[in-house]
Amino acid sequence: MNVLVTGGAGFIGSHVVHLLIQDGHNVTVLDNLSLGSKKSIDKAAKLIVGDISDPQKSEEALSGIDAVIHMAGLIVVPDSVKDPIKYGTVNVLGTIKFLEVMRQVGVKKIIFSSSACVYGTPKNLPITEEEPVHPDNPYGASKAAIESYLQTYNAVYGFDAIILRYFNPYGPGEFHKPETHAIPNFIKSAINKKPIPLYWNGNQTRDFIYIDDLAQAHIDVLPQKGYQVFNIGTEHGVKVKEVIDLIFEILGYKVPIKDLGKRPGDVNANYASSKKINKIVGWQAKVSLKEGLRRSIEFYKSL
């Protein structure tokens, strides 16, 4: 297929692009490079530098495309709490503008990079796709709003819209500026023998999904049609402090912990049921947390 990946220069996007090319697809990347890096993109992909809110760039990128994997957007929960208007403007309005260009040029297949944040504080664990959508922060609200628009574009305009709700991705190649994700911060602090920054004393429970497993899900759902929602997680919840213990075990030494207290917008516990995507397309997470951490530590040591 001819696949367009918006945000394909980012951490997850660049891995998706690489796997798509390995799988024999022709890939175009549309990215404004504000957060991603040109160096991260597979050289076999075509790069168009531009924004999803720019109709001309979007139309150029969509030329000859069969399917879109939409990953462009802002992703930092605390930042969304400080500036919800920015997240509504960039994520939601930007996506609507892009969807309109898709509709005008006749590209009607989209896989959307959503988040477990749409569930907010869940009533049930593990979280299934039937759990009510009730985001606890503006980032999650922006993802939920886009999901709602995609459901509407399916109903009104006949789009195939596949929603992938990520849990907590991690792995080699994560270079956010500033880095707000837990695992790369933990690893880099430990490697440099500096105190590890830790919220909530590490008592939050999360579902950490290795980047290669997450990226593979996008390829596996490409043939799907209609409007569908899938959780992408390991189905195993682990306390954040247990992740730090594993990092110490792999490294063979410990460093101090820097207590950062509470953080607005966080939920106490979430982890996925991924039975639905396993049943429909056969996808499941394969890389264990310890193995994923070992690969990630090797990567950050090599820099």
Foldseek 3Di string as FASTA:
>chain_A
DEEEEEVLQAQLNQLLQVVCVVVPYAYEYEYLCPWGDPVSHDPSHHYDRDALLDLVSLLVRCVPHQEYEYDDADDDFLVCQVPLVRRCVRQAVSVVSNVVSCLVVVHFEYEYEAAPQQLDAWPDPADEPPTDGDHQTSNSVSRVNNLVVNLVCCVPVVHFYEYEHEWAEDFFPHDGVVDDHQLVQLLVCVVVQHAREDEPNQQAKTFYAYSNLVSVLVVLCRVDGGYYYFYAGQSDIDGRVVLSVLSCVLVVHHHHHDYPYHGRRDYRYYGHDRVVSCVPRNRHGDADSSRRSNNRSVNVVVD
